Amino acid sequence: MELQKLYFSAPTPDAPYYFVKAALTGAPEVELEVTEVRVNGVHSRDFSVANDGAKAVPAVWRAGAAQRHLYLRLDWQKGDEFDIELDLKAPGAAAPETLCARFVADGEHGYWNKSWKHYASHVLKETSGRARVQEPVHLVLGLYMDRLTDPEAELRVVEIDPATGAAAEVRSQVYSSSNWDKWQNINCQPTTTVQIAFLADVPANTSKVFLIFYGNPGAQKPNYPTDLNLSGEGYSLSIENAYYTVNLHKESGSIDEILPKSRPGLVYCHHLETNGALQWNPGIYAPPKTWMHASDWVYPANFKVIAGPIFVMVKRFDPIVDYEEVECSITYTFYSNNPGVTVESNIDVTRDLDVVALRNGSVVLNKETTGDFVWQDVDHTVKNVHITDLPRHPVKGMVFDARTPWFAFYDRTQGNALGVLNLEFGGVRREGGLIEAEPYYYLHWGPWFYVSRPIIYTFTSNNPQRVMHMTAGTSFFEKYQLYPFEVGRGEAEYDDFTPLANAWALAAEPLSKTAAKFDTDARVPDEWVPPILVSHFEELVD
């Protein structure tokens, strides 16, 4: 028997690491278990074996297989030499037999850069049949603390071309890291947790490997080009990319104006009620207190900005003004080379409260930029109305299902539109029964046009004096995107809204991510280590 090299390979979606594929030649008469692999005299556990294309666990080559293959992780570059030893043990044998081979790497796309000693592998899979271009991806990595020095300087994201195996660095942003170093033993090792974001291109119905390299203490922090620009001071910030400029309110930090680059001079704004912000919920009304919104914050104490070449994130967290019983957080995320603005919010009811209104999901516009409304109903039909044909304030103009995928304000004569992609809504009630929420959005108009998601809302009902209970320990989460775009002019045609429908489909079904794959560090025990338990429990016994 011999171990015959077949080829050295760059990472693939099936084997997302640099490796050599080899074949066991000859025809063994019995099963052979691969009990140990050594590379240049060093014990290696990063290998697998296959019989007729099927991976074998444990690593046993079957006697009757037509093909027996070895996949061995090797951080190779062209010309590297590897002495490989395999210990093979037959059933009942007293000792294993050792098979030796020397391989010389001859592939064209080897290890990206040996200055970086380590990497983690991720496979991104496109599942909806739509090509992904510059789709934002966020990863969380746990790395042994002694393997890196400065995450912001060291980490690099590299994509592997599925057709050629060629590696190319892509823009990335490290935006959080923390260390745990309480002790070192068989159960725990000092670890750095890192959050990193990048933009991925993945063709429709394919998978692509992305490698996150680290372990280069001499690396300099990269200076990637970007279309993102952050300006302003305090809460009065402006965020700009290739598609828009967004201005935040000078006191609350809420989205105040959206200026689409495709329509110079056009400003999506409100500037009428309260402080005039475009995005003003979460909001609450519990008489005799006045109606208040997150946009009524004046310099909220918890305010944080994260900025880099991939995204700018603005985070705010505080109780709603005059309502200490209701805490809320709002996060805006603005991505490079991406037309959508992501809005995420949490509402946490910390004490029992009886309310007339608890709302979220607001978009409020003045009349100068819009007059028409379109939405995709839950029956998959697209419907539109001229807003002023609907009942006027104080009566609700119309209601539509809270599960609608997307809706938009637009102007059929000018062709400008501001869409909303409805991505996530949910809640939890920690006591007192199941979560309760109104099952609709509503469209309202008066001196302004707006849409809102009621959670509890009796105010515009035919019995508006009802005051309803909200139990302490209730929380809600919502995520949507604001999406400025263009539609055809003239009488509205349903096909005009295909860009918005496509944007929702992409955002609602993002790229699928596998768990990170690492090389096996030498400090990891060969045998499984049980967790620290209150009482003994043997998981390996049938």
Protein backbone atom coordinates (compact mmCIF):
# COMPACT_ATOMS: atom_id res chain seq x y z
CA MET A 1 0.00 0.00 0.00
CA GLU A 2 1.10 3.55 -0.71
CA LEU A 3 -0.20 7.02 -0.04
CA GLN A 4 -0.37 8.79 -3.40
CA LYS A 5 -0.73 12.56 -3.67
CA LEU A 6 -3.61 13.65 -5.90
CA TYR A 7 -3.47 17.44 -5.53
CA PHE A 8 -2.87 20.36 -3.21
CA SER A 9 -5.94 22.58 -2.96
CA ALA A 10 -7.03 26.01 -1.85
CA PRO A 11 -10.06 26.02 0.49
CA THR A 12 -13.36 24.82 -0.99
CA PRO A 13 -16.90 24.96 0.44
CA ASP A 14 -16.66 21.23 1.24
CA ALA A 15 -13.16 21.53 2.76
CA PRO A 16 -12.79 25.20 3.79
CA TYR A 17 -9.06 25.14 4.53
CA TYR A 18 -5.80 24.62 2.65
CA PHE A 19 -5.33 20.88 2.21
CA VAL A 20 -3.82 18.00 0.28
CA LYS A 21 -5.94 15.19 -1.07
CA ALA A 22 -4.25 11.79 -1.24
CA ALA A 23 -5.34 8.27 -2.15
CA LEU A 24 -4.52 4.95 -0.50
CA THR A 25 -3.44 2.62 -3.29
CA GLY A 26 -3.58 -1.15 -3.14
CA ALA A 27 -6.43 -3.28 -1.88
CA PRO A 28 -6.32 -3.95 1.88
CA GLU A 29 -8.19 -7.10 2.87
CA VAL A 30 -9.35 -5.67 6.22
CA GLU A 31 -10.56 -2.37 7.58
CA LEU A 32 -7.79 0.07 8.45
CA GLU A 33 -8.29 2.77 11.07
CA VAL A 34 -6.14 5.89 10.83
CA THR A 35 -5.11 6.26 14.47
CA GLU A 36 -2.59 9.09 14.11
CA VAL A 37 -1.24 11.48 11.49
CA ARG A 38 2.07 13.32 11.76
CA VAL A 39 3.25 16.11 9.48
CA ASN A 40 6.97 16.87 9.60
CA GLY A 41 7.04 14.97 12.89
CA VAL A 42 4.21 16.99 14.49
CA HIS A 43 0.97 15.32 15.58
CA SER A 44 -2.00 16.50 13.46
CA ARG A 45 -5.70 16.01 14.13
CA ASP A 46 -6.98 18.06 11.19
CA PHE A 47 -7.71 15.30 8.73
CA SER A 48 -10.54 13.15 7.49
CA VAL A 49 -10.83 9.99 5.44
CA ALA A 50 -13.46 8.99 2.87
CA ASN A 51 -14.60 5.76 1.26
CA ASP A 52 -16.01 6.16 -2.25
CA GLY A 53 -16.59 9.85 -1.54
CA ALA A 54 -18.34 9.38 1.82
CA LYS A 55 -16.60 10.75 4.91
CA ALA A 56 -15.95 8.09 7.53
CA VAL A 57 -16.34 8.73 11.27
CA PRO A 58 -14.34 7.22 12.92
CA ALA A 59 -11.52 7.47 10.36
CA VAL A 60 -11.69 3.95 8.93
CA TRP A 61 -10.88 2.85 5.38
CA ARG A 62 -13.16 0.00 4.36
CA ALA A 63 -11.75 -3.09 2.72
CA GLY A 64 -14.42 -3.17 0.01
CA ALA A 65 -14.17 0.48 -1.05
CA ALA A 66 -13.15 1.25 -4.61
CA GLN A 67 -11.53 4.54 -3.54
CA ARG A 68 -9.96 5.52 -0.22
CA HIS A 69 -9.01 9.16 0.23
CA LEU A 70 -7.25 11.27 2.84
CA TYR A 71 -7.97 15.00 3.28
CA LEU A 72 -5.21 16.57 5.34
CA ARG A 73 -5.16 20.23 6.34
CA LEU A 74 -1.80 21.76 5.35
CA ASP A 75 -0.94 25.46 5.24
CA TRP A 76 0.99 25.03 2.02
CA GLN A 77 2.63 27.28 -0.50
CA LYS A 78 4.07 26.12 -3.80
CA GLY A 79 7.37 24.27 -3.28
CA ASP A 80 6.79 23.42 0.40
CA GLU A 81 7.80 19.86 1.34
CA PHE A 82 5.87 17.70 3.81
CA ASP A 83 6.86 14.39 5.39
CA ILE A 84 3.61 12.61 6.23
CA GLU A 85 3.24 9.55 8.48
CA LEU A 86 -0.01 7.64 8.95
CA ASP A 87 -0.50 5.02 11.65
CA LEU A 88 -2.92 2.37 10.34
CA LYS A 89 -4.39 -0.24 12.67
CA ALA A 90 -6.20 -3.36 11.54
CA PRO A 91 -8.84 -5.00 13.78
CA GLY A 92 -7.14 -7.15 16.41
CA ALA A 93 -3.64 -5.99 15.51
CA ALA A 94 -1.27 -5.51 18.44
CA ALA A 95 0.30 -2.38 16.98
CA PRO A 96 -0.37 -0.05 14.09
CA GLU A 97 1.52 -0.09 10.81
CA THR A 98 3.12 3.22 9.75
CA LEU A 99 2.77 4.47 6.20
CA CYS A 100 5.21 7.20 5.11
CA ALA A 101 5.16 9.62 2.17
CA ARG A 102 6.84 12.85 1.09
CA PHE A 103 4.75 15.39 -0.80
CA VAL A 104 5.91 18.57 -2.52
CA ALA A 105 3.23 21.25 -2.91
CA ASP A 106 2.67 22.05 -6.58
CA GLY A 107 -0.62 23.94 -6.54
CA GLU A 108 -0.98 27.50 -7.80
CA HIS A 109 -3.04 29.08 -5.02
CA GLY A 110 -1.49 28.27 -1.68
CA TYR A 111 -1.58 29.95 1.73
CA TRP A 112 -2.52 33.61 1.34
CA ASN A 113 0.27 35.19 3.42
CA LYS A 114 2.59 33.38 5.85
CA SER A 115 3.02 36.57 7.88
CA TRP A 116 -0.41 35.67 9.31
CA LYS A 117 -0.01 32.45 11.30
CA HIS A 118 -3.65 31.47 11.79
CA TYR A 119 -7.04 31.70 10.13
CA ALA A 120 -10.67 30.80 10.75
CA SER A 121 -12.85 29.58 7.89
CA HIS A 122 -16.44 30.55 7.13
CA VAL A 123 -18.61 29.33 4.26
CA LEU A 124 -21.33 31.67 3.02
CA LYS A 125 -24.12 30.02 1.05
CA GLU A 126 -26.64 31.79 -1.21
CA THR A 127 -30.01 30.04 -0.89
CA SER A 128 -32.64 32.27 -2.54
CA GLY A 129 -31.44 32.26 -6.15
CA ARG A 130 -30.38 35.92 -6.09
CA ALA A 131 -26.81 37.08 -6.59
CA ARG A 132 -25.43 38.89 -3.55
CA VAL A 133 -23.38 42.00 -4.20
CA GLN A 134 -21.66 43.68 -1.25
CA GLU A 135 -24.00 42.04 1.27
CA PRO A 136 -23.10 42.94 4.87
CA VAL A 137 -21.86 39.99 6.95
CA HIS A 138 -21.15 40.07 10.69
CA LEU A 139 -19.12 37.36 12.44
CA VAL A 140 -18.20 36.70 16.06
CA LEU A 141 -14.93 34.84 16.64
CA GLY A 142 -13.46 33.35 19.80
CA LEU A 143 -9.66 33.23 19.41
CA TYR A 144 -7.01 31.99 21.81
CA MET A 145 -5.67 35.14 23.40
CA ASP A 146 -1.99 34.34 22.80
CA ARG A 147 -2.59 33.98 19.06
CA LEU A 148 -3.13 37.67 18.42
CA THR A 149 -1.99 41.01 19.81
CA ASP A 150 -4.14 43.77 18.26
CA PRO A 151 -7.37 42.59 16.57
CA GLU A 152 -8.00 45.88 14.72
CA ALA A 153 -4.52 45.80 13.20
CA GLU A 154 -4.17 42.08 12.58
CA LEU A 155 -7.45 40.71 11.28
CA ARG A 156 -7.86 40.36 7.52
CA VAL A 157 -10.78 38.89 5.57
CA VAL A 158 -9.86 37.00 2.41
CA GLU A 159 -12.29 35.54 -0.13
CA ILE A 160 -11.47 32.42 -2.13
CA ASP A 161 -12.55 32.37 -5.77
CA PRO A 162 -14.62 29.16 -6.13
CA ALA A 163 -13.50 28.68 -9.75
CA THR A 164 -9.75 29.25 -9.44
CA GLY A 165 -8.90 29.09 -5.73
CA ALA A 166 -7.28 32.52 -5.93
CA ALA A 167 -7.33 34.55 -2.69
CA ALA A 168 -8.24 38.24 -2.50
CA GLU A 169 -8.41 40.51 0.53
CA VAL A 170 -11.76 42.24 1.02
CA ARG A 171 -12.58 45.31 3.09
CA SER A 172 -13.46 44.59 6.71
CA GLN A 173 -14.10 46.32 10.03
CA VAL A 174 -13.24 45.05 13.52
CA TYR A 175 -15.64 46.81 15.86
CA SER A 176 -15.46 45.00 19.17
CA SER A 177 -13.02 42.85 21.13
CA SER A 178 -12.81 41.66 24.72
CA ASN A 179 -10.49 39.33 26.65
CA TRP A 180 -11.21 36.56 29.14
CA ASP A 181 -8.12 35.37 31.04
CA LYS A 182 -9.31 34.13 34.44
CA TRP A 183 -7.39 30.87 34.39
CA GLN A 184 -5.83 28.19 32.19
CA ASN A 185 -6.69 24.52 32.54
CA ILE A 186 -8.15 21.59 30.64
CA ASN A 187 -11.58 23.28 30.58
CA CYS A 188 -10.76 26.89 29.71
CA GLN A 189 -8.06 28.93 28.01
CA PRO A 190 -7.69 32.74 27.81
CA THR A 191 -9.80 33.86 24.86
CA THR A 192 -10.33 37.04 22.85
CA THR A 193 -13.85 37.53 21.48
CA VAL A 194 -13.84 39.63 18.30
CA GLN A 195 -16.65 41.02 16.18
CA ILE A 196 -15.88 41.73 12.53
CA ALA A 197 -17.95 42.85 9.53
CA PHE A 198 -17.29 42.73 5.80
CA LEU A 199 -19.15 42.93 2.48
CA ALA A 200 -19.54 39.70 0.52
CA ASP A 201 -20.13 38.97 -3.17
CA VAL A 202 -21.66 35.51 -3.65
CA PRO A 203 -23.29 34.39 -6.93
CA ALA A 204 -26.81 32.95 -6.83
CA ASN A 205 -27.16 29.34 -5.62
CA THR A 206 -23.47 28.98 -4.80
CA SER A 207 -21.19 28.86 -1.76
CA LYS A 208 -17.97 30.77 -1.15
CA VAL A 209 -15.22 30.44 1.43
CA PHE A 210 -14.07 33.45 3.45
CA LEU A 211 -10.97 33.18 5.63
CA ILE A 212 -10.35 35.48 8.60
CA PHE A 213 -6.57 35.66 9.11
CA TYR A 214 -4.95 36.69 12.38
CA GLY A 215 -1.73 36.18 14.30
CA ASN A 216 0.57 38.83 12.82
CA PRO A 217 1.82 41.13 15.61
CA GLY A 218 3.71 43.24 13.06
CA ALA A 219 0.60 44.09 11.02
CA GLN A 220 -0.52 47.69 10.63
CA LYS A 221 -4.18 48.66 10.88
CA PRO A 222 -5.56 48.68 7.31
CA ASN A 223 -6.87 51.86 5.73
CA TYR A 224 -9.60 50.68 3.39
CA PRO A 225 -11.33 53.03 0.94
CA THR A 226 -15.00 53.66 1.62
CA ASP A 227 -17.93 55.74 0.41
CA LEU A 228 -19.06 56.19 4.04
CA ASN A 229 -18.56 59.58 5.60
CA LEU A 230 -19.47 60.59 9.15
CA SER A 231 -19.58 64.29 10.02
CA GLY A 232 -21.10 66.60 12.63
CA GLU A 233 -20.83 66.86 16.39
CA GLY A 234 -22.72 65.41 19.32
CA TYR A 235 -26.13 64.10 18.30
CA SER A 236 -26.33 66.23 15.14
CA LEU A 237 -24.56 63.76 12.87
CA SER A 238 -24.65 63.28 9.09
CA ILE A 239 -23.98 59.88 7.55
CA GLU A 240 -23.31 59.70 3.83
CA ASN A 241 -22.69 56.87 1.37
CA ALA A 242 -23.03 56.44 -2.40
CA TYR A 243 -26.84 56.35 -2.15
CA TYR A 244 -27.91 58.91 0.46
CA THR A 245 -27.11 61.43 3.15
CA VAL A 246 -28.97 60.94 6.45
CA ASN A 247 -29.12 63.75 8.99
CA LEU A 248 -29.84 63.01 12.65
CA HIS A 249 -31.79 65.34 14.92
CA LYS A 250 -29.55 67.67 16.87
CA GLU A 251 -31.11 66.83 20.27
CA SER A 252 -32.54 63.30 20.07
CA GLY A 253 -30.27 61.64 17.51
CA SER A 254 -33.36 60.32 15.65
CA ILE A 255 -33.37 60.17 11.85
CA ASP A 256 -34.45 63.66 10.84
CA GLU A 257 -33.84 63.78 7.07
CA ILE A 258 -32.98 61.40 4.25
CA LEU A 259 -31.50 62.97 1.11
CA PRO A 260 -31.30 60.44 -1.75
CA LYS A 261 -28.30 60.97 -4.07
CA SER A 262 -30.40 59.93 -7.09
CA ARG A 263 -32.65 63.00 -6.66
CA PRO A 264 -30.57 66.11 -5.84
CA GLY A 265 -32.61 68.61 -3.87
CA LEU A 266 -35.16 66.07 -2.61
CA VAL A 267 -35.42 65.77 1.18
CA TYR A 268 -37.48 63.10 2.90
CA CYS A 269 -38.42 64.75 6.18
CA HIS A 270 -41.27 65.62 8.54
CA HIS A 271 -40.53 68.89 10.44
CA LEU A 272 -44.06 69.40 11.75
CA GLU A 273 -45.30 67.58 14.88
CA THR A 274 -43.21 67.44 18.12
CA ASN A 275 -39.58 67.91 17.09
CA GLY A 276 -40.28 66.92 13.50
CA ALA A 277 -38.09 63.81 13.24
CA LEU A 278 -38.81 61.37 10.40
CA GLN A 279 -38.43 58.34 12.72
CA TRP A 280 -39.95 58.95 16.15
CA ASN A 281 -41.16 55.69 17.71
CA PRO A 282 -41.14 53.81 20.06
CA GLY A 283 -43.87 55.93 21.56
CA ILE A 284 -46.23 55.65 24.53
CA TYR A 285 -49.37 57.37 25.81
CA ALA A 286 -50.67 56.66 29.33
CA PRO A 287 -52.93 59.53 30.51
CA PRO A 288 -52.70 61.75 32.41
CA LYS A 289 -49.09 61.81 31.16
CA THR A 290 -48.48 63.32 27.74
CA TRP A 291 -47.77 61.30 24.62
CA MET A 292 -44.01 60.78 24.29
CA HIS A 293 -41.66 59.21 21.77
CA ALA A 294 -38.03 58.22 21.58
CA SER A 295 -37.59 61.20 19.26
CA ASP A 296 -38.52 63.42 22.24
CA TRP A 297 -35.27 62.51 23.96
CA VAL A 298 -33.08 65.51 24.67
CA TYR A 299 -29.48 64.35 24.66
CA PRO A 300 -30.12 60.73 25.77
CA ALA A 301 -27.46 59.65 28.25
CA ASN A 302 -26.69 56.35 26.54
CA PHE A 303 -25.43 57.32 23.10
CA LYS A 304 -22.70 55.49 21.17
CA VAL A 305 -21.32 55.73 17.65
CA ILE A 306 -19.29 52.99 15.94
CA ALA A 307 -17.71 54.05 12.66
CA GLY A 308 -15.51 52.34 10.09
CA PRO A 309 -15.20 51.56 6.38
CA ILE A 310 -18.00 48.94 6.36
CA PHE A 311 -20.68 50.54 8.54
CA VAL A 312 -21.58 53.41 10.82
CA MET A 313 -23.76 52.42 13.78
CA VAL A 314 -25.57 54.85 16.08
CA LYS A 315 -26.95 53.37 19.30
CA ARG A 316 -29.22 55.05 21.84
CA PHE A 317 -30.75 53.65 25.02
CA ASP A 318 -32.81 55.35 27.73
CA PRO A 319 -36.26 55.37 29.33
CA ILE A 320 -38.80 57.22 27.22
CA VAL A 321 -39.20 60.79 28.47
CA ASP A 322 -41.56 60.94 31.51
CA TYR A 323 -42.03 57.14 31.40
CA GLU A 324 -39.48 55.50 33.69
CA GLU A 325 -41.49 52.27 33.35
CA VAL A 326 -40.54 51.88 29.68
CA GLU A 327 -36.94 51.62 28.53
CA CYS A 328 -36.11 51.46 24.86
CA SER A 329 -33.10 51.21 22.60
CA ILE A 330 -32.74 52.22 18.96
CA THR A 331 -29.88 51.26 16.67
CA TYR A 332 -29.30 52.70 13.20
CA THR A 333 -26.85 50.96 10.87
CA PHE A 334 -25.62 52.58 7.67
CA TYR A 335 -23.55 50.33 5.37
CA SER A 336 -21.02 51.16 2.72
CA ASN A 337 -22.30 50.74 -0.84
CA ASN A 338 -25.79 49.78 0.37
CA PRO A 339 -29.03 51.75 -0.20
CA GLY A 340 -30.85 50.55 2.94
CA VAL A 341 -30.80 52.09 6.43
CA THR A 342 -31.37 49.44 9.10
CA VAL A 343 -33.45 50.39 12.15
CA GLU A 344 -33.58 48.08 15.18
CA SER A 345 -35.44 48.82 18.39
CA ASN A 346 -36.25 47.22 21.73
CA ILE A 347 -39.03 48.14 24.14
CA ASP A 348 -38.70 46.86 27.72
CA VAL A 349 -41.61 47.38 30.12
CA THR A 350 -39.98 47.26 33.56
CA ARG A 351 -43.06 47.97 35.72
CA ASP A 352 -46.77 47.32 35.25
CA LEU A 353 -48.32 50.07 33.16
CA ASP A 354 -51.78 50.79 31.74
CA VAL A 355 -51.73 52.56 28.40
CA VAL A 356 -53.87 53.92 25.61
CA ALA A 357 -51.04 53.62 23.08
CA LEU A 358 -47.76 51.76 22.77
CA ARG A 359 -46.41 51.94 19.22
CA ASN A 360 -43.33 51.32 17.11
CA GLY A 361 -42.30 51.10 13.46
CA SER A 362 -42.97 54.69 12.51
CA VAL A 363 -42.17 56.59 9.31
CA VAL A 364 -43.48 60.17 9.14
CA LEU A 365 -43.25 62.37 6.01
CA ASN A 366 -44.41 65.79 4.93
CA LYS A 367 -46.68 66.16 1.90
CA GLU A 368 -44.10 67.72 -0.41
CA THR A 369 -42.34 64.43 -1.22
CA THR A 370 -45.17 61.92 -1.52
CA GLY A 371 -48.85 61.40 -2.15
CA ASP A 372 -49.19 57.71 -2.92
CA PHE A 373 -48.79 54.48 -0.98
CA VAL A 374 -48.06 50.91 -2.08
CA TRP A 375 -47.73 47.64 -0.18
CA GLN A 376 -47.44 43.93 -0.84
CA ASP A 377 -50.30 42.30 0.99
CA VAL A 378 -49.96 38.93 2.73
CA ASP A 379 -51.89 37.35 -0.16
CA HIS A 380 -48.83 38.32 -2.31
CA THR A 381 -50.73 40.92 -4.33
CA VAL A 382 -49.37 44.45 -4.71
CA LYS A 383 -51.85 47.20 -3.88
CA ASN A 384 -51.65 50.97 -4.01
CA VAL A 385 -53.73 53.99 -3.07
CA HIS A 386 -53.64 57.75 -3.41
CA ILE A 387 -53.31 58.77 0.25
CA THR A 388 -55.67 61.75 0.26
CA ASP A 389 -58.44 59.54 -1.15
CA LEU A 390 -58.49 57.78 2.23
CA PRO A 391 -60.26 58.97 5.42
CA ARG A 392 -58.46 61.86 7.09
CA HIS A 393 -57.26 62.43 10.67
CA PRO A 394 -58.56 61.76 13.29
CA VAL A 395 -59.84 58.60 11.55
CA LYS A 396 -57.26 56.02 10.46
CA GLY A 397 -56.76 56.16 6.72
CA MET A 398 -56.41 52.39 6.38
CA VAL A 399 -54.96 49.34 8.10
CA PHE A 400 -52.94 46.53 6.57
CA ASP A 401 -51.53 43.27 7.90
CA ALA A 402 -48.54 43.56 10.25
CA ARG A 403 -46.88 40.71 8.32
CA THR A 404 -46.76 42.62 5.03
CA PRO A 405 -43.23 42.21 3.61
CA TRP A 406 -42.79 45.75 2.36
CA PHE A 407 -44.53 49.07 1.77
CA ALA A 408 -43.58 52.48 0.41
CA PHE A 409 -44.55 56.11 0.17
CA TYR A 410 -44.07 57.38 -3.39
CA ASP A 411 -44.96 60.14 -5.82
CA ARG A 412 -46.30 58.74 -9.08
CA THR A 413 -45.73 62.01 -10.93
CA GLN A 414 -42.13 62.51 -9.80
CA GLY A 415 -41.00 58.89 -9.44
CA ASN A 416 -39.36 59.20 -6.01
CA ALA A 417 -40.09 56.63 -3.31
CA LEU A 418 -39.17 55.76 0.26
CA GLY A 419 -39.71 52.10 1.06
CA VAL A 420 -39.83 50.12 4.29
CA LEU A 421 -38.68 46.49 4.43
CA ASN A 422 -40.50 44.74 7.29
CA LEU A 423 -37.92 42.23 8.54
CA GLU A 424 -38.56 41.14 12.15
CA PHE A 425 -41.02 41.70 14.96
CA GLY A 426 -41.41 39.69 18.13
CA GLY A 427 -41.83 39.86 21.85
CA VAL A 428 -41.67 37.99 25.13
CA ARG A 429 -43.73 38.23 28.29
CA ARG A 430 -41.83 36.84 31.25
CA GLU A 431 -44.97 36.35 33.35
CA GLY A 432 -48.72 36.68 33.03
CA GLY A 433 -49.46 34.71 29.85
CA LEU A 434 -48.55 35.08 26.21
CA ILE A 435 -47.41 38.19 24.40
CA GLU A 436 -50.15 40.44 23.03
CA ALA A 437 -49.88 42.88 20.13
CA GLU A 438 -52.18 44.42 17.53
CA PRO A 439 -51.98 42.47 14.24
CA TYR A 440 -51.72 45.41 11.83
CA TYR A 441 -49.98 48.55 10.62
CA TYR A 442 -52.03 51.65 10.00
CA LEU A 443 -51.65 54.54 7.54
CA HIS A 444 -52.73 57.96 8.80
CA TRP A 445 -52.79 61.39 7.26
CA GLY A 446 -53.52 64.97 8.22
CA PRO A 447 -50.97 67.77 7.87
CA TRP A 448 -48.48 64.88 7.38
CA PHE A 449 -48.44 61.24 6.22
CA TYR A 450 -47.29 58.41 8.47
CA VAL A 451 -47.31 54.67 9.07
CA SER A 452 -47.02 53.10 12.52
CA ARG A 453 -47.13 49.64 14.10
CA PRO A 454 -49.51 49.60 17.10
CA ILE A 455 -48.72 47.20 19.93
CA ILE A 456 -51.53 48.47 22.15
CA TYR A 457 -53.67 51.15 20.53
CA THR A 458 -57.20 52.17 21.44
CA PHE A 459 -56.80 55.86 20.62
CA THR A 460 -58.38 55.89 17.14
CA SER A 461 -60.86 53.10 17.78
CA ASN A 462 -64.61 53.63 18.18
CA ASN A 463 -64.07 53.26 21.97
CA PRO A 464 -60.96 55.37 22.46
CA GLN A 465 -61.20 55.75 26.24
CA ARG A 466 -60.13 52.16 26.88
CA VAL A 467 -56.93 51.84 28.91
CA MET A 468 -55.17 48.49 28.57
CA HIS A 469 -52.69 46.73 30.80
CA MET A 470 -49.06 46.06 29.89
CA THR A 471 -47.36 43.62 32.27
CA ALA A 472 -43.92 44.27 33.70
CA GLY A 473 -41.31 42.03 32.15
CA THR A 474 -42.69 42.42 28.63
CA SER A 475 -40.26 43.16 25.80
CA PHE A 476 -40.60 43.78 22.07
CA PHE A 477 -38.03 43.74 19.27
CA GLU A 478 -38.39 45.18 15.78
CA LYS A 479 -36.13 45.42 12.74
CA TYR A 480 -36.82 47.14 9.45
CA GLN A 481 -35.00 48.99 6.69
CA LEU A 482 -35.66 52.40 5.19
CA TYR A 483 -35.02 52.16 1.46
CA PRO A 484 -35.04 55.22 -0.83
CA PHE A 485 -35.48 54.23 -4.50
CA GLU A 486 -36.97 55.28 -7.83
CA VAL A 487 -40.22 54.22 -9.55
CA GLY A 488 -41.59 54.93 -12.99
CA ARG A 489 -43.54 58.11 -13.53
CA GLY A 490 -47.15 58.31 -14.60
CA GLU A 491 -49.87 55.90 -13.53
CA ALA A 492 -48.33 53.46 -11.05
CA GLU A 493 -47.54 50.02 -12.44
CA TYR A 494 -46.89 47.09 -10.13
CA ASP A 495 -43.60 46.30 -11.93
CA ASP A 496 -42.28 49.68 -10.77
CA PHE A 497 -41.83 48.19 -7.29
CA THR A 498 -39.73 45.19 -8.29
CA PRO A 499 -36.57 46.80 -6.84
CA LEU A 500 -38.24 47.08 -3.45
CA ALA A 501 -39.56 43.51 -3.61
CA ASN A 502 -36.08 42.25 -4.54
CA ALA A 503 -34.50 44.27 -1.73
CA TRP A 504 -36.90 42.72 0.77
CA ALA A 505 -36.18 39.20 -0.52
CA LEU A 506 -32.44 39.75 -0.11
CA ALA A 507 -32.73 41.26 3.36
CA ALA A 508 -35.25 38.69 4.61
CA GLU A 509 -33.10 35.73 3.55
CA PRO A 510 -29.48 36.73 4.11
CA LEU A 511 -26.50 34.57 3.25
CA SER A 512 -26.34 31.36 5.25
CA LYS A 513 -23.25 31.12 7.48
CA THR A 514 -21.51 28.00 8.79
CA ALA A 515 -19.82 27.84 12.16
CA ALA A 516 -16.19 28.89 12.18
CA LYS A 517 -13.60 26.21 11.48
CA PHE A 518 -10.16 26.45 13.08
CA ASP A 519 -7.00 24.40 13.09
CA THR A 520 -6.82 22.21 16.20
CA ASP A 521 -4.46 23.79 18.70
CA ALA A 522 -1.90 21.58 20.43
CA ARG A 523 -3.29 22.49 23.88
CA VAL A 524 -6.60 20.79 23.08
CA PRO A 525 -6.70 17.34 24.75
CA ASP A 526 -6.92 14.30 22.46
CA GLU A 527 -9.84 12.95 24.46
CA TRP A 528 -13.22 14.58 24.99
CA VAL A 529 -13.32 16.70 28.16
CA PRO A 530 -16.65 16.56 30.05
CA PRO A 531 -18.05 19.86 31.36
CA ILE A 532 -18.00 20.84 35.01
CA LEU A 533 -21.30 19.43 36.29
CA VAL A 534 -23.12 19.45 39.62
CA SER A 535 -23.29 15.65 39.47
CA HIS A 536 -21.51 13.09 37.31
CA PHE A 537 -23.18 12.33 33.99
CA GLU A 538 -21.62 10.06 31.38
CA GLU A 539 -22.70 11.15 27.90
CA LEU A 540 -20.75 8.44 26.07
CA VAL A 541 -22.61 5.48 27.60
CA ASP A 542 -25.61 4.10 25.71
